């Protein structure tokens, strides 16, 4: 039984390379798990931010509803006043027309206030959405650095040299 001398070395090299591949896969799986955990934490933070924003939205809506109700009540009061004034026009003459005109002017002011309130709260909501979006983008673009001891680092470099790729490239490909 004669064996070729190069063949036995070749088998050993292939076994070593296969062992290295298994070790790299195991390390990469660990890195992948760490990255997934970090991504899950970022996702949870983002969900919390969205919940906070939803709560703020509810508060703003309630404030708007209250302001709108006040304005509606004032509008109804003014319309009632206008109606009463119109009935008295015949009795009061020109003075009544001035009161009607003042009531209409106040009604127009209420419309303007309503629009300003709406714009104010839309601006608040927009700012909060932008803030949440910036926060989410900041968390989403977080870079993860992996630190290993020098022996592991040297071992990984040796593997990457043997496999013809950089350590970073091997990690990216395994993800």
N, C-alpha and C. Protein backbone atom coordinates (compact mmCIF):
# COMPACT_ATOMS: atom_id res chain seq x y z
N UNK A 1 0.82 -1.19 0.00
CA UNK A 1 0.00 0.00 0.00
C UNK A 1 0.86 1.24 0.00
N UNK A 2 1.00 1.72 -1.16
CA UNK A 2 1.82 2.92 -1.32
C UNK A 2 0.90 4.13 -1.42
N UNK A 3 1.14 5.14 -0.61
CA UNK A 3 0.35 6.37 -0.65
C UNK A 3 1.22 7.48 -1.18
N UNK A 4 0.60 8.31 -1.92
CA UNK A 4 1.34 9.46 -2.43
C UNK A 4 1.63 10.41 -1.28
N UNK A 5 2.86 10.90 -1.16
CA UNK A 5 3.21 11.76 -0.02
C UNK A 5 2.42 13.08 -0.02
N UNK A 6 2.15 13.65 -1.16
CA UNK A 6 1.43 14.92 -1.24
C UNK A 6 -0.04 14.78 -0.92
N UNK A 7 -0.59 13.61 -1.14
CA UNK A 7 -2.02 13.38 -0.96
C UNK A 7 -2.41 13.44 0.52
N UNK A 8 -1.61 12.87 1.37
CA UNK A 8 -1.89 12.88 2.81
C UNK A 8 -1.86 14.32 3.34
N UNK A 9 -0.91 15.12 2.90
CA UNK A 9 -0.82 16.52 3.31
C UNK A 9 -2.01 17.31 2.78
N UNK A 10 -2.38 16.97 1.57
CA UNK A 10 -3.52 17.65 0.96
C UNK A 10 -4.79 17.38 1.75
N UNK A 11 -4.97 16.13 2.19
CA UNK A 11 -6.15 15.79 3.00
C UNK A 11 -6.12 16.53 4.33
N UNK A 12 -4.94 16.62 4.93
CA UNK A 12 -4.81 17.34 6.19
C UNK A 12 -5.14 18.83 5.99
N UNK A 13 -4.63 19.39 4.90
CA UNK A 13 -4.92 20.80 4.61
C UNK A 13 -6.42 21.01 4.41
N UNK A 14 -7.04 20.11 3.67
CA UNK A 14 -8.48 20.22 3.44
C UNK A 14 -9.25 20.09 4.75
N UNK A 15 -8.79 19.19 5.62
CA UNK A 15 -9.45 19.03 6.92
C UNK A 15 -9.28 20.30 7.76
N UNK A 16 -8.09 20.88 7.72
CA UNK A 16 -7.85 22.12 8.46
C UNK A 16 -8.71 23.26 7.91
N UNK A 17 -8.78 23.33 6.59
CA UNK A 17 -9.61 24.37 5.98
C UNK A 17 -11.08 24.16 6.36
N UNK A 18 -11.53 22.93 6.34
CA UNK A 18 -12.93 22.65 6.72
C UNK A 18 -13.16 23.01 8.18
N UNK A 19 -12.18 22.70 9.03
CA UNK A 19 -12.29 23.08 10.45
C UNK A 19 -12.33 24.60 10.58
N UNK A 20 -11.49 25.27 9.84
CA UNK A 20 -11.48 26.74 9.87
C UNK A 20 -12.83 27.28 9.41
N UNK A 21 -13.38 26.72 8.37
CA UNK A 21 -14.69 27.16 7.88
C UNK A 21 -15.77 26.99 8.96
N UNK A 22 -15.72 25.83 9.63
CA UNK A 22 -16.70 25.59 10.70
C UNK A 22 -16.53 26.60 11.83
N UNK A 23 -15.27 26.86 12.19
CA UNK A 23 -15.00 27.85 13.24
C UNK A 23 -15.50 29.24 12.83
N UNK A 24 -15.25 29.59 11.59
CA UNK A 24 -15.69 30.91 11.08
C UNK A 24 -17.21 30.97 11.10
N UNK A 25 -17.86 29.92 10.65
CA UNK A 25 -19.33 29.90 10.66
C UNK A 25 -19.86 30.07 12.08
N UNK A 26 -19.22 29.35 13.01
CA UNK A 26 -19.67 29.45 14.40
C UNK A 26 -19.50 30.88 14.92
N UNK A 27 -18.34 31.47 14.67
CA UNK A 27 -18.09 32.86 15.09
C UNK A 27 -19.06 33.82 14.41
N UNK A 28 -19.28 33.61 13.13
CA UNK A 28 -20.19 34.49 12.40
C UNK A 28 -21.62 34.34 12.90
N UNK A 29 -22.02 33.12 13.26
CA UNK A 29 -23.35 32.93 13.84
C UNK A 29 -23.48 33.69 15.16
N UNK A 30 -22.42 33.67 15.96
CA UNK A 30 -22.44 34.44 17.21
C UNK A 30 -22.57 35.93 16.94
N UNK A 31 -21.81 36.41 15.98
CA UNK A 31 -21.89 37.84 15.61
C UNK A 31 -23.28 38.17 15.09
N UNK A 32 -23.81 37.29 14.27
CA UNK A 32 -25.16 37.51 13.73
C UNK A 32 -26.18 37.59 14.86
N UNK A 33 -26.06 36.69 15.85
CA UNK A 33 -26.98 36.72 16.99
C UNK A 33 -26.86 38.03 17.76
N UNK A 34 -25.62 38.51 17.96
CA UNK A 34 -25.43 39.79 18.65
C UNK A 34 -26.06 40.93 17.86
N UNK A 35 -25.86 40.92 16.56
CA UNK A 35 -26.43 41.98 15.72
C UNK A 35 -27.95 41.93 15.74
N UNK A 36 -28.51 40.74 15.72
CA UNK A 36 -29.98 40.62 15.78
C UNK A 36 -30.52 41.12 17.11
N UNK A 37 -29.79 40.81 18.20
CA UNK A 37 -30.22 41.32 19.51
C UNK A 37 -30.19 42.85 19.52
N UNK A 38 -29.13 43.43 18.99
CA UNK A 38 -29.02 44.90 18.93
C UNK A 38 -30.14 45.48 18.07
N UNK A 39 -30.42 44.84 16.95
CA UNK A 39 -31.50 45.31 16.08
C UNK A 39 -32.85 45.24 16.80
N UNK A 40 -33.05 44.18 17.56
CA UNK A 40 -34.30 44.05 18.32
C UNK A 40 -34.42 45.17 19.36
N UNK A 41 -33.31 45.49 20.03
CA UNK A 41 -33.33 46.60 21.00
C UNK A 41 -33.66 47.92 20.33
N UNK A 42 -33.08 48.15 19.17
CA UNK A 42 -33.36 49.39 18.42
C UNK A 42 -34.83 49.42 18.03
N UNK A 43 -35.34 48.28 17.59
CA UNK A 43 -36.76 48.21 17.19
C UNK A 43 -37.67 48.52 18.39
N UNK A 44 -37.35 47.95 19.55
CA UNK A 44 -38.16 48.21 20.74
C UNK A 44 -38.13 49.70 21.10
N UNK A 45 -36.96 50.32 21.03
CA UNK A 45 -36.86 51.76 21.30
C UNK A 45 -37.71 52.55 20.32
N UNK A 46 -37.66 52.14 19.06
CA UNK A 46 -38.44 52.84 18.03
C UNK A 46 -39.94 52.70 18.31
N UNK A 47 -40.37 51.51 18.71
CA UNK A 47 -41.79 51.28 19.02
C UNK A 47 -42.19 52.15 20.21
N UNK A 48 -41.31 52.26 21.22
CA UNK A 48 -41.60 53.12 22.36
C UNK A 48 -41.74 54.57 21.93
N UNK A 49 -40.86 55.03 21.04
CA UNK A 49 -40.94 56.41 20.54
C UNK A 49 -42.25 56.63 19.79
N UNK A 50 -42.66 55.66 19.02
CA UNK A 50 -43.93 55.78 18.28
C UNK A 50 -45.09 55.84 19.26
N UNK A 51 -45.05 55.01 20.31
CA UNK A 51 -46.12 55.05 21.31
C UNK A 51 -46.18 56.41 22.00
N UNK A 52 -45.00 56.97 22.33
CA UNK A 52 -44.97 58.30 22.94
C UNK A 52 -45.58 59.33 22.01
N UNK A 53 -45.25 59.21 20.75
CA UNK A 53 -45.78 60.15 19.76
C UNK A 53 -47.30 60.00 19.65
N UNK A 54 -47.78 58.78 19.69
CA UNK A 54 -49.23 58.56 19.63
C UNK A 54 -49.92 59.18 20.85
N UNK A 55 -49.30 59.04 22.02
CA UNK A 55 -49.87 59.65 23.21
C UNK A 55 -49.91 61.17 23.07
N UNK A 56 -48.83 61.75 22.55
CA UNK A 56 -48.79 63.20 22.34
C UNK A 56 -49.87 63.60 21.35
N UNK A 57 -50.06 62.79 20.34
CA UNK A 57 -51.07 63.07 19.33
C UNK A 57 -52.44 63.14 19.98
N UNK A 58 -52.72 62.21 20.88
CA UNK A 58 -54.01 62.20 21.57
C UNK A 58 -54.21 63.45 22.41
N UNK A 59 -53.14 63.87 23.11
CA UNK A 59 -53.23 65.09 23.92
C UNK A 59 -53.50 66.31 23.05
N UNK A 60 -52.79 66.38 21.94
CA UNK A 60 -52.97 67.52 21.03
C UNK A 60 -54.38 67.50 20.46
N UNK A 61 -54.86 66.32 20.09
CA UNK A 61 -56.23 66.21 19.57
C UNK A 61 -57.24 66.71 20.59
N UNK A 62 -57.03 66.32 21.84
CA UNK A 62 -57.96 66.72 22.89
C UNK A 62 -57.94 68.24 23.06
N UNK A 63 -56.75 68.83 23.06
CA UNK A 63 -56.65 70.28 23.17
C UNK A 63 -57.36 70.97 21.99
N UNK A 64 -57.17 70.41 20.81
CA UNK A 64 -57.84 70.98 19.63
C UNK A 64 -59.35 70.86 19.75
N UNK A 65 -59.81 69.71 20.23
CA UNK A 65 -61.26 69.52 20.40
C UNK A 65 -61.84 70.55 21.37
N UNK A 66 -61.14 70.74 22.48
CA UNK A 66 -61.61 71.70 23.47
C UNK A 66 -61.64 73.11 22.89
N UNK A 67 -60.56 73.49 22.19
CA UNK A 67 -60.51 74.82 21.59
C UNK A 67 -61.62 74.97 20.54
N UNK A 68 -61.83 73.92 19.76
CA UNK A 68 -62.87 73.95 18.73
C UNK A 68 -64.25 74.06 19.37
N UNK A 69 -64.48 73.34 20.44
CA UNK A 69 -65.77 73.42 21.13
C UNK A 69 -66.00 74.83 21.65
N UNK A 70 -64.97 75.43 22.23
CA UNK A 70 -65.10 76.82 22.71
C UNK A 70 -65.44 77.75 21.57
N UNK A 71 -64.75 77.56 20.45
CA UNK A 71 -65.00 78.42 19.30
C UNK A 71 -66.40 78.19 18.74
N UNK A 72 -66.84 76.94 18.73
CA UNK A 72 -68.20 76.64 18.25
C UNK A 72 -69.25 77.31 19.14
N UNK A 73 -69.03 77.21 20.45
CA UNK A 73 -69.96 77.84 21.38
C UNK A 73 -70.01 79.36 21.17
N UNK A 74 -68.83 79.94 20.99
CA UNK A 74 -68.77 81.38 20.75
C UNK A 74 -69.44 81.71 19.42
N UNK A 75 -69.24 80.86 18.43
CA UNK A 75 -69.88 81.08 17.12
C UNK A 75 -71.40 81.03 17.24
N UNK A 76 -71.88 80.01 17.95
CA UNK A 76 -73.33 79.87 18.15
C UNK A 76 -73.87 81.11 18.86
N UNK A 77 -73.14 81.53 19.85
CA UNK A 77 -73.56 82.73 20.60
C UNK A 77 -73.62 83.94 19.68
N UNK A 78 -72.58 84.07 18.85
CA UNK A 78 -72.55 85.21 17.92
C UNK A 78 -73.65 85.11 16.87
N UNK A 79 -73.89 83.92 16.36
CA UNK A 79 -74.96 83.75 15.39
C UNK A 79 -76.32 84.09 16.01
N UNK A 80 -76.46 83.67 17.25
CA UNK A 80 -77.70 83.99 17.96
C UNK A 80 -77.84 85.51 18.13
N UNK A 81 -76.72 86.10 18.48
CA UNK A 81 -76.70 87.57 18.64
C UNK A 81 -77.02 88.25 17.32
N UNK A 82 -76.47 87.72 16.22
CA UNK A 82 -76.75 88.28 14.89
C UNK A 82 -78.23 88.15 14.57
N UNK A 83 -78.78 86.97 14.86
CA UNK A 83 -80.21 86.74 14.61
C UNK A 83 -81.07 87.71 15.40
N UNK A 84 -80.75 87.88 16.66
CA UNK A 84 -81.52 88.80 17.50
C UNK A 84 -81.37 90.23 16.99
N UNK A 85 -80.17 90.55 16.57
CA UNK A 85 -79.90 91.90 16.09
C UNK A 85 -80.70 92.17 14.82
N UNK A 86 -80.74 91.18 13.93
CA UNK A 86 -81.50 91.36 12.69
C UNK A 86 -82.98 91.62 12.97
N UNK A 87 -83.51 90.96 14.00
CA UNK A 87 -84.91 91.18 14.36
C UNK A 87 -85.14 92.61 14.87
N UNK A 88 -84.13 93.15 15.50
CA UNK A 88 -84.27 94.49 16.06
C UNK A 88 -83.91 95.60 15.07
N UNK A 89 -83.45 95.21 13.87
CA UNK A 89 -83.03 96.20 12.88
C UNK A 89 -84.14 97.22 12.61
N UNK A 90 -85.30 96.74 12.42
CA UNK A 90 -86.40 97.65 12.09
C UNK A 90 -86.60 98.67 13.20
N UNK A 91 -86.40 98.25 14.45
CA UNK A 91 -86.61 99.14 15.57
C UNK A 91 -85.42 100.07 15.80
N UNK A 92 -84.23 99.56 15.57
CA UNK A 92 -83.05 100.34 15.92
C UNK A 92 -82.43 101.10 14.74
N UNK A 93 -82.70 100.67 13.53
CA UNK A 93 -82.18 101.39 12.37
C UNK A 93 -80.70 101.15 12.16
N UNK A 94 -79.99 102.23 11.92
CA UNK A 94 -78.57 102.17 11.57
C UNK A 94 -77.73 101.58 12.70
N UNK A 95 -78.07 101.83 13.93
CA UNK A 95 -77.33 101.31 15.07
C UNK A 95 -77.30 99.78 15.04
N UNK A 96 -78.40 99.16 14.69
CA UNK A 96 -78.49 97.71 14.62
C UNK A 96 -77.58 97.15 13.53
N UNK A 97 -77.53 97.83 12.41
CA UNK A 97 -76.65 97.36 11.32
C UNK A 97 -75.19 97.37 11.76
N UNK A 98 -74.81 98.35 12.52
CA UNK A 98 -73.43 98.40 13.03
C UNK A 98 -73.16 97.21 13.96
N UNK A 99 -74.15 96.88 14.80
CA UNK A 99 -73.98 95.73 15.69
C UNK A 99 -73.84 94.43 14.89
N UNK A 100 -74.63 94.29 13.86
CA UNK A 100 -74.54 93.10 13.00
C UNK A 100 -73.16 93.03 12.36
N UNK A 101 -72.70 94.16 11.88
CA UNK A 101 -71.39 94.19 11.24
C UNK A 101 -70.29 93.82 12.23
N UNK A 102 -70.38 94.34 13.45
CA UNK A 102 -69.40 93.99 14.49
C UNK A 102 -69.46 92.49 14.80
N UNK A 103 -70.67 91.94 14.87
CA UNK A 103 -70.82 90.51 15.14
C UNK A 103 -70.20 89.69 14.01
N UNK A 104 -70.40 90.11 12.79
CA UNK A 104 -69.80 89.41 11.64
C UNK A 104 -68.28 89.51 11.68
N UNK A 105 -67.78 90.65 12.07
CA UNK A 105 -66.33 90.83 12.18
C UNK A 105 -65.76 89.90 13.25
N UNK A 106 -66.48 89.83 14.38
CA UNK A 106 -66.01 88.92 15.44
C UNK A 106 -66.07 87.46 14.97
N UNK A 107 -67.10 87.13 14.22
CA UNK A 107 -67.21 85.78 13.66
C UNK A 107 -66.03 85.49 12.73
N UNK A 108 -65.66 86.46 11.94
CA UNK A 108 -64.50 86.31 11.04
C UNK A 108 -63.22 86.13 11.87
N UNK A 109 -63.11 86.87 12.96
CA UNK A 109 -61.94 86.71 13.85
C UNK A 109 -61.90 85.29 14.43
N UNK A 110 -63.06 84.77 14.77
CA UNK A 110 -63.11 83.40 15.29
C UNK A 110 -62.65 82.42 14.22
N UNK A 111 -63.07 82.63 13.00
CA UNK A 111 -62.61 81.75 11.90
C UNK A 111 -61.09 81.82 11.77
N UNK A 112 -60.56 83.01 11.85
CA UNK A 112 -59.11 83.20 11.74
C UNK A 112 -58.41 82.50 12.90
N UNK A 113 -58.94 82.66 14.13
CA UNK A 113 -58.35 82.00 15.30
C UNK A 113 -58.38 80.48 15.13
N UNK A 114 -59.51 79.99 14.63
CA UNK A 114 -59.63 78.54 14.42
C UNK A 114 -58.55 78.06 13.45
N UNK A 115 -58.34 78.77 12.38
CA UNK A 115 -57.32 78.40 11.39
C UNK A 115 -55.92 78.48 12.01
N UNK A 116 -55.67 79.51 12.82
CA UNK A 116 -54.36 79.65 13.46
C UNK A 116 -54.11 78.50 14.43
N UNK A 117 -55.15 78.12 15.19
CA UNK A 117 -55.02 77.00 16.11
C UNK A 117 -54.71 75.70 15.36
N UNK A 118 -55.45 75.51 14.26
CA UNK A 118 -55.22 74.31 13.46
C UNK A 118 -53.78 74.28 12.95
N UNK A 119 -53.30 75.39 12.43
CA UNK A 119 -51.93 75.46 11.91
C UNK A 119 -50.91 75.24 13.03
N UNK A 120 -51.19 75.82 14.18
CA UNK A 120 -50.29 75.68 15.33
C UNK A 120 -50.14 74.20 15.72
N UNK A 121 -51.27 73.50 15.82
CA UNK A 121 -51.20 72.10 16.22
C UNK A 121 -50.68 71.21 15.11
N UNK A 122 -50.94 71.54 13.88
CA UNK A 122 -50.33 70.78 12.77
C UNK A 122 -48.82 70.93 12.81
N UNK A 123 -48.35 72.14 13.12
CA UNK A 123 -46.92 72.39 13.22
C UNK A 123 -46.31 71.57 14.37
N UNK A 124 -47.01 71.53 15.52
CA UNK A 124 -46.52 70.74 16.65
C UNK A 124 -46.42 69.27 16.28
N UNK A 125 -47.45 68.76 15.64
CA UNK A 125 -47.47 67.34 15.25
C UNK A 125 -46.34 67.07 14.25
N UNK A 126 -46.18 67.96 13.28
CA UNK A 126 -45.12 67.79 12.28
C UNK A 126 -43.74 67.77 12.95
N UNK A 127 -43.52 68.69 13.91
CA UNK A 127 -42.23 68.74 14.60
C UNK A 127 -41.98 67.46 15.39
N UNK A 128 -43.02 66.96 16.07
CA UNK A 128 -42.85 65.73 16.84
C UNK A 128 -42.58 64.55 15.92
N UNK A 129 -43.26 64.51 14.77
CA UNK A 129 -43.01 63.44 13.80
C UNK A 129 -41.58 63.51 13.27
N UNK A 130 -41.11 64.72 12.97
CA UNK A 130 -39.75 64.89 12.47
C UNK A 130 -38.74 64.47 13.53
N UNK A 131 -39.02 64.83 14.78
CA UNK A 131 -38.11 64.46 15.86
C UNK A 131 -38.05 62.94 16.00
N UNK A 132 -39.22 62.30 15.97
CA UNK A 132 -39.25 60.84 16.07
C UNK A 132 -38.54 60.19 14.89
N UNK A 133 -38.73 60.77 13.71
CA UNK A 133 -38.08 60.22 12.51
C UNK A 133 -36.56 60.38 12.62
N UNK A 134 -36.10 61.56 13.07
CA UNK A 134 -34.65 61.75 13.24
C UNK A 134 -34.09 60.77 14.25
N UNK A 135 -34.83 60.57 15.32
CA UNK A 135 -34.40 59.66 16.36
C UNK A 135 -34.31 58.24 15.83
N UNK A 136 -35.34 57.85 15.05
CA UNK A 136 -35.36 56.51 14.48
C UNK A 136 -34.23 56.32 13.48
N UNK A 137 -33.97 57.34 12.66
CA UNK A 137 -32.89 57.25 11.68
C UNK A 137 -31.54 57.16 12.39
N UNK A 138 -31.40 57.89 13.47
CA UNK A 138 -30.15 57.87 14.22
C UNK A 138 -29.91 56.47 14.78
N UNK A 139 -30.98 55.87 15.32
CA UNK A 139 -30.84 54.53 15.88
C UNK A 139 -30.62 53.49 14.79
N UNK A 140 -31.28 53.66 13.66
CA UNK A 140 -31.18 52.69 12.57
C UNK A 140 -29.80 52.69 11.94
N UNK A 141 -29.11 53.82 11.96
CA UNK A 141 -27.81 53.91 11.30
C UNK A 141 -26.66 53.67 12.26
N UNK A 142 -26.93 53.10 13.39
CA UNK A 142 -25.91 52.83 14.39
C UNK A 142 -24.92 51.79 13.87
N UNK A 143 -23.65 52.04 14.02
CA UNK A 143 -22.62 51.12 13.56
C UNK A 143 -22.22 50.24 14.73
N UNK A 144 -22.01 48.97 14.45
CA UNK A 144 -21.66 48.03 15.50
C UNK A 144 -20.22 47.61 15.29
N UNK A 145 -19.40 47.82 16.31
CA UNK A 145 -18.01 47.40 16.28
C UNK A 145 -17.88 46.14 17.14
N UNK A 146 -17.11 45.21 16.63
CA UNK A 146 -16.93 43.95 17.35
C UNK A 146 -15.47 43.91 17.79
N UNK A 147 -15.28 43.73 19.08
CA UNK A 147 -13.92 43.65 19.62
C UNK A 147 -13.67 42.22 20.07
N UNK A 148 -12.53 41.70 19.66
CA UNK A 148 -12.13 40.37 20.08
C UNK A 148 -10.70 40.44 20.58
N UNK A 149 -10.28 39.42 21.33
CA UNK A 149 -8.91 39.43 21.84
C UNK A 149 -7.92 39.26 20.68
N UNK A 150 -6.69 39.55 20.93
CA UNK A 150 -5.69 39.55 19.85
C UNK A 150 -5.49 38.16 19.24
N UNK A 151 -5.59 37.10 20.05
CA UNK A 151 -5.43 35.75 19.50
C UNK A 151 -6.54 35.44 18.50
N UNK A 152 -7.77 35.77 18.87
CA UNK A 152 -8.90 35.54 17.97
C UNK A 152 -8.76 36.38 16.70
N UNK A 153 -8.32 37.63 16.89
CA UNK A 153 -8.14 38.53 15.75
C UNK A 153 -7.10 37.95 14.78
N UNK A 154 -5.98 37.48 15.33
CA UNK A 154 -4.94 36.89 14.48
C UNK A 154 -5.46 35.62 13.79
N UNK A 155 -6.22 34.83 14.52
CA UNK A 155 -6.78 33.61 13.95
C UNK A 155 -7.72 33.94 12.78
N UNK A 156 -8.57 34.97 12.99
CA UNK A 156 -9.51 35.38 11.94
C UNK A 156 -8.75 35.90 10.72
N UNK A 157 -7.68 36.64 10.94
CA UNK A 157 -6.89 37.15 9.81
C UNK A 157 -6.27 35.99 9.02
N UNK A 158 -5.77 34.99 9.75
CA UNK A 158 -5.20 33.81 9.08
C UNK A 158 -6.26 33.12 8.22
N UNK A 159 -7.48 32.99 8.77
CA UNK A 159 -8.56 32.36 8.01
C UNK A 159 -8.88 33.18 6.76
N UNK A 160 -8.93 34.48 6.95
CA UNK A 160 -9.30 35.31 5.80
C UNK A 160 -8.21 35.23 4.73
N UNK A 161 -6.95 35.15 5.14
CA UNK A 161 -5.86 35.01 4.15
C UNK A 161 -5.99 33.67 3.42
N UNK A 162 -6.29 32.63 4.16
CA UNK A 162 -6.41 31.31 3.54
C UNK A 162 -7.61 31.23 2.60
N UNK A 163 -8.67 31.94 2.94
CA UNK A 163 -9.89 31.89 2.13
C UNK A 163 -9.92 32.98 1.07
N UNK A 164 -8.98 33.90 1.11
CA UNK A 164 -8.89 34.91 0.07
C UNK A 164 -9.91 36.04 0.21
N UNK A 165 -10.36 36.34 1.42
CA UNK A 165 -11.32 37.44 1.66
C UNK A 165 -10.94 38.15 2.96
N UNK A 166 -11.43 39.39 3.10
CA UNK A 166 -11.18 40.09 4.35
C UNK A 166 -12.15 39.58 5.41
N UNK A 167 -11.79 39.82 6.68
CA UNK A 167 -12.65 39.40 7.79
C UNK A 167 -14.00 40.09 7.67
N UNK A 168 -14.01 41.39 7.38
CA UNK A 168 -15.27 42.14 7.25
C UNK A 168 -16.14 41.54 6.16
N UNK A 169 -15.51 41.20 5.03
CA UNK A 169 -16.26 40.64 3.92
C UNK A 169 -16.86 39.29 4.29
N UNK A 170 -16.11 38.48 5.00
CA UNK A 170 -16.62 37.17 5.45
C UNK A 170 -17.81 37.36 6.37
N UNK A 171 -17.74 38.33 7.27
CA UNK A 171 -18.85 38.59 8.20
C UNK A 171 -20.07 39.06 7.42
N UNK A 172 -19.87 40.01 6.50
CA UNK A 172 -21.01 40.52 5.70
C UNK A 172 -21.67 39.41 4.91
N UNK A 173 -20.85 38.55 4.30
CA UNK A 173 -21.40 37.46 3.49
C UNK A 173 -22.18 36.47 4.35
N UNK A 174 -21.73 36.25 5.57
CA UNK A 174 -22.43 35.30 6.42
C UNK A 174 -23.75 35.85 6.93
N UNK A 175 -23.91 37.17 6.93
CA UNK A 175 -25.16 37.79 7.37
C UNK A 175 -26.19 37.59 6.30
